[in-house]
C-alpha atoms as a PDB file:
ATOM      1  CA  MET A   1      -0.237   0.225  -0.008  1.00  0.00           C
ATOM      2  CA  LEU A   2       3.156   2.446   0.949  1.00  0.00           C
ATOM      3  CA  PHE A   3       4.873   1.795  -2.993  1.00  0.00           C
ATOM      4  CA  PHE A   4       1.119   2.425  -4.120  1.00  0.00           C
ATOM      5  CA  ASN A   5       0.579   5.213  -2.246  1.00  0.00           C
ATOM      6  CA  LEU A   6       3.647   7.078  -2.665  1.00  0.00           C
ATOM      7  CA  ALA A   7       3.586   6.231  -6.635  1.00  0.00           C
ATOM      8  CA  VAL A   8      -0.197   8.108  -6.593  1.00  0.00           C
ATOM      9  CA  ALA A   9       1.575  10.912  -4.870  1.00  0.00           C
ATOM     10  CA  GLY A  10       4.881  11.565  -7.283  1.00  0.00           C
ATOM     11  CA  ALA A  11       2.608  11.609  -9.920  1.00  0.00           C
ATOM     12  CA  LYS A  12       0.530  14.339  -8.936  1.00  0.00           C
ATOM     13  CA  LEU A  13       3.059  16.621  -7.180  1.00  0.00           C
ATOM     14  CA  ALA A  14       5.168  15.836 -10.994  1.00  0.00           C
ATOM     15  CA  LEU A  15       1.737  16.535 -13.387  1.00  0.00           C
ATOM     16  CA  GLY A  16       0.863  20.215 -11.134  1.00  0.00           C
ATOM     17  CA  TYR A  17       4.590  21.201 -10.399  1.00  0.00           C
ATOM     18  CA  ALA A  18       4.265  20.412 -14.807  1.00  0.00           C
ATOM     19  CA  THR A  19       1.064  22.213 -15.415  1.00  0.00           C
ATOM     20  CA  GLY A  20       1.205  24.200 -11.895  1.00  0.00           C
ATOM     21  CA  ALA A  21      -1.812  23.581 -11.228  1.00  0.00           C
ATOM     22  CA  VAL A  22      -1.097  24.544  -7.088  1.00  0.00           C
ATOM     23  CA  SER A  23      -4.756  22.487  -6.820  1.00  0.00           C
ATOM     24  CA  ILE A  24      -2.706  18.944  -8.196  1.00  0.00           C
ATOM     25  CA  VAL A  25       0.502  20.228  -5.857  1.00  0.00           C
ATOM     26  CA  SER A  26      -1.913  20.450  -3.066  1.00  0.00           C
ATOM     27  CA  ASP A  27      -3.765  16.952  -3.992  1.00  0.00           C
ATOM     28  CA  GLY A  28      -0.154  15.266  -4.212  1.00  0.00           C
ATOM     29  CA  PHE A  29       0.509  17.007  -0.742  1.00  0.00           C
ATOM     30  CA  HIS A  30      -2.238  14.984   0.814  1.00  0.00           C
ATOM     31  CA  SER A  31      -1.782  11.735  -1.396  1.00  0.00           C
ATOM     32  CA  LEU A  32       1.430  11.642   0.918  1.00  0.00           C
ATOM     33  CA  THR A  33       0.164  11.753   3.460  1.00  0.00           C
ATOM     34  CA  ASP A  34      -1.178   8.396   2.973  1.00  0.00           C
ATOM     35  CA  SER A  35       2.002   7.720   2.935  1.00  0.00           C
ATOM     36  CA  ALA A  36       2.570   9.266   6.150  1.00  0.00           C
ATOM     37  CA  SER A  37       0.116   7.181   7.462  1.00  0.00           C
ATOM     38  CA  ASN A  38       1.487   4.412   5.935  1.00  0.00           C
ATOM     39  CA  ILE A  39       4.159   4.406   7.814  1.00  0.00           C
ATOM     40  CA  ILE A  40       3.030   5.259  11.044  1.00  0.00           C
ATOM     41  CA  GLY A  41       1.935   1.818  10.940  1.00  0.00           C
ATOM     42  CA  LEU A  42       5.251  -0.215  10.167  1.00  0.00           C
ATOM     43  CA  VAL A  43       6.336   1.941  12.615  1.00  0.00           C
ATOM     44  CA  GLY A  44       3.196   0.515  15.158  1.00  0.00           C
ATOM     45  CA  LEU A  45       3.739  -2.636  14.419  1.00  0.00           C
ATOM     46  CA  ARG A  46       7.626  -2.759  13.955  1.00  0.00           C
ATOM     47  CA  ALA A  47       7.962  -1.537  17.904  1.00  0.00           C
ATOM     48  CA  SER A  48       4.730  -3.758  18.550  1.00  0.00           C
ATOM     49  CA  ARG A  49       6.887  -7.095  18.270  1.00  0.00           C
ATOM     50  CA  LYS A  50       9.233  -5.446  20.112  1.00  0.00           C
ATOM     51  CA  PRO A  51       9.495  -6.918  24.315  1.00  0.00           C
ATOM     52  CA  ALA A  52       9.930  -4.594  26.888  1.00  0.00           C
ATOM     53  CA  ASP A  53      13.738  -4.210  28.051  1.00  0.00           C
ATOM     54  CA  ALA A  54      16.101  -2.899  30.740  1.00  0.00           C
ATOM     55  CA  ASP A  55      15.781   0.323  29.639  1.00  0.00           C
ATOM     56  CA  HIS A  56      12.565   0.078  28.492  1.00  0.00           C
ATOM     57  CA  PRO A  57      10.640  -2.191  30.806  1.00  0.00           C
ATOM     58  CA  TYR A  58       7.088  -0.182  29.736  1.00  0.00           C
ATOM     59  CA  GLY A  59       7.791  -1.319  26.114  1.00  0.00           C
ATOM     60  CA  HIS A  60       8.335   1.464  22.810  1.00  0.00           C
ATOM     61  CA  ARG A  61       5.438   1.777  21.857  1.00  0.00           C
ATOM     62  CA  LYS A  62       5.963   4.967  21.743  1.00  0.00           C
ATOM     63  CA  TYR A  63       7.663   5.297  19.051  1.00  0.00           C
ATOM     64  CA  GLU A  64       4.706   5.222  17.179  1.00  0.00           C
ATOM     65  CA  THR A  65       3.653   8.211  18.704  1.00  0.00           C
ATOM     66  CA  LEU A  66       6.444   9.530  18.417  1.00  0.00           C
ATOM     67  CA  ALA A  67       6.332   8.960  14.135  1.00  0.00           C
ATOM     68  CA  ALA A  68       2.654  10.834  14.162  1.00  0.00           C
ATOM     69  CA  GLY A  69       4.503  13.559  15.521  1.00  0.00           C
ATOM     70  CA  GLY A  70       6.568  13.493  13.081  1.00  0.00           C
ATOM     71  CA  ILE A  71       4.219  13.499  10.249  1.00  0.00           C
ATOM     72  CA  PHE A  72       1.767  16.349  11.960  1.00  0.00           C
ATOM     73  CA  VAL A  73       4.950  18.932  11.632  1.00  0.00           C
ATOM     74  CA  PHE A  74       5.848  17.219   7.688  1.00  0.00           C
ATOM     75  CA  MET A  75       1.456  17.753   6.827  1.00  0.00           C
ATOM     76  CA  LEU A  76       1.929  21.483   8.808  1.00  0.00           C
ATOM     77  CA  LEU A  77       5.189  22.449   6.430  1.00  0.00           C
ATOM     78  CA  ALA A  78       2.868  20.503   3.758  1.00  0.00           C
ATOM     79  CA  VAL A  79      -0.202  22.829   4.898  1.00  0.00           C
ATOM     80  CA  LEU A  80       1.930  26.165   5.105  1.00  0.00           C
ATOM     81  CA  GLU A  81       3.183  25.668   0.842  1.00  0.00           C
ATOM     82  CA  ILE A  82      -0.067  24.967   0.074  1.00  0.00           C
ATOM     83  CA  GLY A  83      -0.499  27.659   1.487  1.00  0.00           C
ATOM     84  CA  ARG A  84       1.391  30.024   0.176  1.00  0.00           C
ATOM     85  CA  SER A  85       1.020  29.130  -2.950  1.00  0.00           C
ATOM     86  CA  ALA A  86      -2.544  29.215  -3.454  1.00  0.00           C
ATOM     87  CA  LEU A  87      -2.481  32.630  -2.048  1.00  0.00           C
ATOM     88  CA  THR A  88      -0.123  33.788  -4.615  1.00  0.00           C
ATOM     89  CA  HIS A  89      -1.908  32.596  -6.951  1.00  0.00           C
ATOM     90  CA  LEU A  90      -5.123  34.795  -6.193  1.00  0.00           C
ATOM     91  CA  HIS A  91      -3.133  37.498  -5.946  1.00  0.00           C
ATOM     92  CA  THR A  92      -1.369  36.875  -8.944  1.00  0.00           C
ATOM     93  CA  PRO A  93      -3.944  35.196 -11.153  1.00  0.00           C
ATOM     94  CA  SER A  94      -2.336  32.498 -13.840  1.00  0.00           C
ATOM     95  CA  THR A  95      -4.069  30.292 -15.375  1.00  0.00           C
ATOM     96  CA  PRO A  96      -2.439  26.310 -15.534  1.00  0.00           C
ATOM     97  CA  ASP A  97      -2.145  24.519 -18.441  1.00  0.00           C
ATOM     98  CA  VAL A  98      -4.560  21.898 -18.080  1.00  0.00           C
ATOM     99  CA  THR A  99      -5.099  19.396 -20.873  1.00  0.00           C
ATOM    100  CA  VAL A 100      -6.581  15.343 -21.322  1.00  0.00           C
ATOM    101  CA  LEU A 101      -3.605  14.350 -19.713  1.00  0.00           C
ATOM    102  CA  ALA A 102      -4.138  16.027 -16.779  1.00  0.00           C
ATOM    103  CA  PHE A 103      -6.924  14.703 -16.150  1.00  0.00           C
ATOM    104  CA  ALA A 104      -5.879  11.406 -18.059  1.00  0.00           C
ATOM    105  CA  VAL A 105      -4.215  11.015 -14.657  1.00  0.00           C
ATOM    106  CA  MET A 106      -6.077  12.093 -12.243  1.00  0.00           C
ATOM    107  CA  ILE A 107      -8.520   9.803 -13.255  1.00  0.00           C
ATOM    108  CA  GLY A 108      -5.582   7.028 -12.936  1.00  0.00           C
ATOM    109  CA  THR A 109      -4.736   7.948  -9.646  1.00  0.00           C
ATOM    110  CA  LEU A 110      -8.578   7.772  -8.802  1.00  0.00           C
ATOM    111  CA  ALA A 111      -8.617   4.106  -9.660  1.00  0.00           C
ATOM    112  CA  VAL A 112      -5.188   3.329  -7.644  1.00  0.00           C
ATOM    113  CA  ASN A 113      -6.844   5.055  -5.227  1.00  0.00           C
ATOM    114  CA  ILE A 114      -9.619   3.344  -4.949  1.00  0.00           C
ATOM    115  CA  ALA A 115      -8.733   0.409  -5.497  1.00  0.00           C
ATOM    116  CA  VAL A 116      -6.369   0.427  -2.835  1.00  0.00           C
ATOM    117  CA  VAL A 117      -9.386   1.663  -0.878  1.00  0.00           C
ATOM    118  CA  ARG A 118     -11.313  -1.654  -1.542  1.00  0.00           C
ATOM    119  CA  TYR A 119      -8.263  -4.147  -1.073  1.00  0.00           C
ATOM    120  CA  GLU A 120      -7.884  -2.235   2.597  1.00  0.00           C
ATOM    121  CA  ALA A 121     -10.812  -2.338   3.917  1.00  0.00           C
ATOM    122  CA  ALA A 122     -11.548  -6.267   2.076  1.00  0.00           C
ATOM    123  CA  GLU A 123      -8.091  -7.061   4.031  1.00  0.00           C
ATOM    124  CA  GLY A 124      -8.829  -5.100   6.890  1.00  0.00           C
ATOM    125  CA  ARG A 125     -12.620  -6.873   7.586  1.00  0.00           C
ATOM    126  CA  ARG A 126     -10.620 -10.830   6.546  1.00  0.00           C
ATOM    127  CA  HIS A 127      -8.163 -10.414   9.464  1.00  0.00           C
ATOM    128  CA  ASN A 128      -9.942  -7.942  11.869  1.00  0.00           C
ATOM    129  CA  SER A 129      -7.584  -5.406  11.344  1.00  0.00           C
ATOM    130  CA  GLU A 130      -8.345  -1.468  13.212  1.00  0.00           C
ATOM    131  CA  LEU A 131      -5.078  -0.379  11.203  1.00  0.00           C
ATOM    132  CA  LEU A 132      -6.341  -1.299   7.863  1.00  0.00           C
ATOM    133  CA  LEU A 133      -9.215  -0.047   7.899  1.00  0.00           C
ATOM    134  CA  ALA A 134      -8.880   2.882   9.850  1.00  0.00           C
ATOM    135  CA  ASP A 135      -6.406   3.704   7.384  1.00  0.00           C
ATOM    136  CA  SER A 136      -8.640   2.945   4.151  1.00  0.00           C
ATOM    137  CA  VAL A 137     -10.932   5.440   5.746  1.00  0.00           C
ATOM    138  CA  HIS A 138      -8.107   8.163   5.190  1.00  0.00           C
ATOM    139  CA  THR A 139      -7.468   6.705   1.932  1.00  0.00           C
ATOM    140  CA  LYS A 140     -11.067   7.227   0.536  1.00  0.00           C
ATOM    141  CA  SER A 141     -11.005  11.030   1.810  1.00  0.00           C
ATOM    142  CA  ASP A 142      -8.280  11.399  -1.095  1.00  0.00           C
ATOM    143  CA  ILE A 143     -10.500   9.882  -3.024  1.00  0.00           C
ATOM    144  CA  TYR A 144     -13.581  13.307  -2.290  1.00  0.00           C
ATOM    145  CA  VAL A 145      -9.888  15.683  -2.934  1.00  0.00           C
ATOM    146  CA  THR A 146      -9.014  14.308  -5.996  1.00  0.00           C
ATOM    147  CA  CYS A 147     -12.597  14.507  -7.383  1.00  0.00           C
ATOM    148  CA  GLY A 148     -13.328  18.084  -6.337  1.00  0.00           C
ATOM    149  CA  VAL A 149      -9.607  18.605  -7.740  1.00  0.00           C
ATOM    150  CA  MET A 150     -11.072  17.822 -11.021  1.00  0.00           C
ATOM    151  CA  VAL A 151     -14.222  19.741 -10.419  1.00  0.00           C
ATOM    152  CA  ALA A 152     -11.551  22.609 -10.197  1.00  0.00           C
ATOM    153  CA  LEU A 153      -9.686  22.311 -12.871  1.00  0.00           C
ATOM    154  CA  ALA A 154     -13.397  21.564 -15.572  1.00  0.00           C
ATOM    155  CA  GLY A 155     -13.503  24.926 -13.885  1.00  0.00           C
ATOM    156  CA  VAL A 156     -10.207  26.372 -14.896  1.00  0.00           C
ATOM    157  CA  ARG A 157     -11.034  24.806 -18.433  1.00  0.00           C
ATOM    158  CA  LEU A 158     -13.756  26.234 -18.897  1.00  0.00           C
ATOM    159  CA  GLY A 159     -12.528  29.571 -18.263  1.00  0.00           C
ATOM    160  CA  TYR A 160     -12.243  30.170 -14.635  1.00  0.00           C
ATOM    161  CA  PRO A 161      -9.103  29.890 -13.314  1.00  0.00           C
ATOM    162  CA  VAL A 162      -9.391  31.300  -9.790  1.00  0.00           C
ATOM    163  CA  LEU A 163     -10.397  27.857  -8.521  1.00  0.00           C
ATOM    164  CA  ASP A 164      -7.089  26.467  -8.703  1.00  0.00           C
ATOM    165  CA  PRO A 165      -6.115  28.462  -5.805  1.00  0.00           C
ATOM    166  CA  VAL A 166      -9.200  27.414  -4.380  1.00  0.00           C
ATOM    167  CA  SER A 167      -9.570  24.097  -4.518  1.00  0.00           C
ATOM    168  CA  ALA A 168      -5.650  24.266  -2.834  1.00  0.00           C
ATOM    169  CA  LEU A 169      -6.570  26.501   0.432  1.00  0.00           C
ATOM    170  CA  ILE A 170      -9.870  23.429   0.748  1.00  0.00           C
ATOM    171  CA  VAL A 171      -7.323  21.232   0.469  1.00  0.00           C
ATOM    172  CA  ALA A 172      -4.865  23.208   2.528  1.00  0.00           C
ATOM    173  CA  VAL A 173      -7.665  23.118   5.068  1.00  0.00           C
ATOM    174  CA  ILE A 174      -8.733  19.211   4.972  1.00  0.00           C
ATOM    175  CA  ILE A 175      -4.674  18.255   5.987  1.00  0.00           C
ATOM    176  CA  SER A 176      -5.137  20.545   8.723  1.00  0.00           C
ATOM    177  CA  HIS A 177      -7.970  19.098  10.223  1.00  0.00           C
ATOM    178  CA  THR A 178      -6.080  15.413   9.293  1.00  0.00           C
ATOM    179  CA  GLY A 179      -3.315  16.796  11.213  1.00  0.00           C
ATOM    180  CA  PHE A 180      -4.701  18.522  14.153  1.00  0.00           C
ATOM    181  CA  GLN A 181      -6.531  14.601  14.887  1.00  0.00           C
ATOM    182  CA  ILE A 182      -3.287  13.252  14.980  1.00  0.00           C
ATOM    183  CA  ALA A 183      -1.877  15.994  17.168  1.00  0.00           C
ATOM    184  CA  ARG A 184      -4.579  16.099  19.453  1.00  0.00           C
ATOM    185  CA  GLU A 185      -4.459  11.792  19.690  1.00  0.00           C
ATOM    186  CA  ALA A 186      -0.789  11.658  20.477  1.00  0.00           C
ATOM    187  CA  SER A 187      -0.396  14.451  22.788  1.00  0.00           C
ATOM    188  CA  GLN A 188      -2.787  12.403  24.950  1.00  0.00           C
ATOM    189  CA  ILE A 189      -0.901   9.496  24.429  1.00  0.00           C
ATOM    190  CA  LEU A 190       2.031  11.708  25.219  1.00  0.00           C
ATOM    191  CA  SER A 191       0.052  13.407  28.394  1.00  0.00           C
ATOM    192  CA  ASP A 192      -1.408   9.994  29.717  1.00  0.00           C
ATOM    193  CA  ARG A 193      -5.073  10.918  29.131  1.00  0.00           C
ATOM    194  CA  ILE A 194      -7.572   9.100  31.162  1.00  0.00           C
ATOM    195  CA  VAL A 195      -7.577   5.876  28.222  1.00  0.00           C
ATOM    196  CA  ILE A 196     -10.583   3.802  29.904  1.00  0.00           C
ATOM    197  CA  ASP A 197     -13.274   4.465  31.913  1.00  0.00           C
ATOM    198  CA  GLU A 198     -13.248   4.426  35.328  1.00  0.00           C
ATOM    199  CA  GLU A 199     -15.881   3.742  36.397  1.00  0.00           C
ATOM    200  CA  SER A 200     -16.189   0.404  34.099  1.00  0.00           C
ATOM    201  CA  ILE A 201     -12.695  -0.870  35.446  1.00  0.00           C
ATOM    202  CA  ARG A 202     -14.702  -0.409  39.313  1.00  0.00           C
ATOM    203  CA  LYS A 203     -17.566  -2.690  37.594  1.00  0.00           C
ATOM    204  CA  VAL A 204     -15.386  -5.533  36.780  1.00  0.00           C
ATOM    205  CA  VAL A 205     -13.234  -5.092  40.132  1.00  0.00           C
ATOM    206  CA  MET A 206     -16.152  -5.287  41.792  1.00  0.00           C
ATOM    207  CA  SER A 207     -18.148  -8.091  40.507  1.00  0.00           C
ATOM    208  CA  VAL A 208     -15.078 -10.735  42.786  1.00  0.00           C
ATOM    209  CA  PRO A 209     -16.939 -11.257  45.535  1.00  0.00           C
ATOM    210  CA  GLU A 210     -14.290 -10.954  48.339  1.00  0.00           C
ATOM    211  CA  VAL A 211     -13.397  -7.578  47.320  1.00  0.00           C
ATOM    212  CA  LEU A 212     -14.693  -4.194  49.223  1.00  0.00           C
ATOM    213  CA  GLY A 213     -13.899  -1.696  46.931  1.00  0.00           C
ATOM    214  CA  CYS A 214     -11.748  -0.448  44.838  1.00  0.00           C
ATOM    215  CA  HIS A 215      -9.855   3.677  44.370  1.00  0.00           C
ATOM    216  CA  HIS A 216      -6.869   5.427  42.647  1.00  0.00           C
ATOM    217  CA  ILE A 217      -7.440   3.347  39.191  1.00  0.00           C
ATOM    218  CA  ARG A 218      -4.994   5.061  36.846  1.00  0.00           C
ATOM    219  CA  THR A 219      -5.046   3.860  33.274  1.00  0.00           C
ATOM    220  CA  ARG A 220      -2.526   5.449  30.672  1.00  0.00           C
ATOM    221  CA  GLY A 221      -0.727   4.701  27.075  1.00  0.00           C
ATOM    222  CA  ALA A 222      -2.596   4.187  22.964  1.00  0.00           C
ATOM    223  CA  LEU A 223      -5.847   2.584  22.906  1.00  0.00           C
ATOM    224  CA  ASP A 224      -5.338  -1.451  21.890  1.00  0.00           C
ATOM    225  CA  HIS A 225      -1.820  -1.100  24.320  1.00  0.00           C
ATOM    226  CA  VAL A 226      -2.913   0.343  27.925  1.00  0.00           C
ATOM    227  CA  PHE A 227      -1.227   0.291  31.482  1.00  0.00           C
ATOM    228  CA  LEU A 228      -3.323   0.012  34.380  1.00  0.00           C
ATOM    229  CA  ASP A 229      -3.086   0.334  38.306  1.00  0.00           C
ATOM    230  CA  LEU A 230      -5.721   0.157  40.470  1.00  0.00           C
ATOM    231  CA  HIS A 231      -5.659  -0.444  44.809  1.00  0.00           C
ATOM    232  CA  VAL A 232      -8.329  -2.296  45.610  1.00  0.00           C
ATOM    233  CA  TRP A 233      -9.744  -3.079  48.957  1.00  0.00           C
ATOM    234  CA  PHE A 234      -9.199  -6.477  50.507  1.00  0.00           C
ATOM    235  CA  PRO A 235     -10.186  -7.810  54.476  1.00  0.00           C
ATOM    236  CA  ALA A 236      -7.301  -6.343  56.577  1.00  0.00           C
ATOM    237  CA  ASP A 237      -7.216 -10.131  58.546  1.00  0.00           C
ATOM    238  CA  ALA A 238      -6.901 -11.786  55.197  1.00  0.00           C
ATOM    239  CA  PRO A 239      -3.401 -13.865  55.548  1.00  0.00           C
ATOM    240  CA  LEU A 240      -1.667 -11.836  52.580  1.00  0.00           C
ATOM    241  CA  SER A 241      -1.341 -15.015  50.419  1.00  0.00           C
ATOM    242  CA  ASP A 242      -5.104 -15.680  50.179  1.00  0.00           C
ATOM    243  CA  ALA A 243      -5.091 -11.684  49.038  1.00  0.00           C
ATOM    244  CA  HIS A 244      -2.611 -12.480  46.209  1.00  0.00           C
ATOM    245  CA  GLN A 245      -4.455 -14.960  45.384  1.00  0.00           C
ATOM    246  CA  LEU A 246      -7.093 -13.065  44.467  1.00  0.00           C
ATOM    247  CA  SER A 247      -5.691 -10.446  43.416  1.00  0.00           C
ATOM    248  CA  HIS A 248      -4.876 -12.740  40.213  1.00  0.00           C
ATOM    249  CA  VAL A 249      -8.914 -12.517  39.814  1.00  0.00           C
ATOM    250  CA  VAL A 250      -8.462  -9.541  39.472  1.00  0.00           C
ATOM    251  CA  LYS A 251      -6.585  -9.077  37.171  1.00  0.00           C
ATOM    252  CA  ASP A 252      -7.655 -12.145  34.656  1.00  0.00           C
ATOM    253  CA  ARG A 253     -11.070 -10.357  35.150  1.00  0.00           C
ATOM    254  CA  LEU A 254      -9.776  -6.968  33.429  1.00  0.00           C
ATOM    255  CA  MET A 255      -7.912  -8.907  31.157  1.00  0.00           C
ATOM    256  CA  GLU A 256     -10.322 -10.679  29.758  1.00  0.00           C
ATOM    257  CA  GLN A 257     -12.882  -7.760  29.749  1.00  0.00           C
ATOM    258  CA  PHE A 258     -10.625  -4.793  28.831  1.00  0.00           C
ATOM    259  CA  PRO A 259      -7.816  -6.708  26.301  1.00  0.00           C
ATOM    260  CA  GLN A 260      -6.064  -3.261  25.168  1.00  0.00           C
ATOM    261  CA  ILE A 261      -4.924  -3.969  28.984  1.00  0.00           C
ATOM    262  CA  ALA A 262      -1.211  -4.977  28.130  1.00  0.00           C
ATOM    263  CA  ASP A 263      -0.805  -4.410  31.196  1.00  0.00           C
ATOM    264  CA  ALA A 264      -2.441  -4.383  35.659  1.00  0.00           C
ATOM    265  CA  ILE A 265      -0.358  -3.479  38.875  1.00  0.00           C
ATOM    266  CA  ILE A 266      -2.493  -4.315  41.242  1.00  0.00           C
ATOM    267  CA  HIS A 267      -1.783  -2.497  45.636  1.00  0.00           C
ATOM    268  CA  LEU A 268      -3.531  -4.245  48.307  1.00  0.00           C
ATOM    269  CA  GLU A 269      -4.428  -2.975  51.277  1.00  0.00           C
ATOM    270  CA  PRO A 270      -6.804  -2.978  53.401  1.00  0.00           C
ATOM    271  CA  PRO A 271     -10.014  -0.726  53.117  1.00  0.00           C
ATOM    272  CA  PRO A 272     -10.001   2.893  55.002  1.00  0.00           C
ATOM    273  CA  ALA A 273     -10.433   3.301  58.886  1.00  0.00           C
ATOM    274  CA  ASP A 274     -14.427   4.433  58.091  1.00  0.00           C
ATOM    275  CA  ARG A 275     -14.832   1.404  56.157  1.00  0.00           C
ATOM    276  CA  SER A 276     -13.636  -1.134  57.827  1.00  0.00           C
END
């Protein structure tokens, strides 16, 4: 998928700079964001296979978050370049050389994107892969952008060259929105934002009959790779071995209910004095 997305982006960028159509250039940068998603996926999969070590006891999953941050910077630079070119064309109007070849290339890249979306969606459903399904949705947005650019190019052919930079600005807004979503998700992971609702976890913990209560429930990490720690109350006179065994029952139930939990740390303690 990465090869096809790069090929589509390269074709659009080459065509855009050759014809002077800033809308095609902007669409090429948008296609590069699809390649960026592929790279994030590759980094994430590679990192997820790498086990925890002495220097990284929590594993290496945040390398995926760092990669997403790098992609956001690239997208920001792309938006600035697209915006600069579009505003320049608005201030100094010029008519790009929109030929039949330009439409043929755009239609060809559109066909490739449609094939990629169908293949990724089918494989995602077959393997129950959230990564493939999410990437197919992202690539589908490129189809809509390309169709919009082709409409703008048709308008240029009909004598409305202003549609070229206007279309580029619209694409810049779309890329900005995608970049904002990536930055927001990355910042939530890096700032250890809560991942699983506290009450949902409490409900599972309290389903174990011998547990008297729990508090200080904390979760962090990515949506599919969560670390959990919490304090669980056991009878004050319970033997340590029994409480320890019961903590494993709690942990097993939590990880069964929430398979995205990579590890759970349970602190054993008696209930507060006012709840004894």
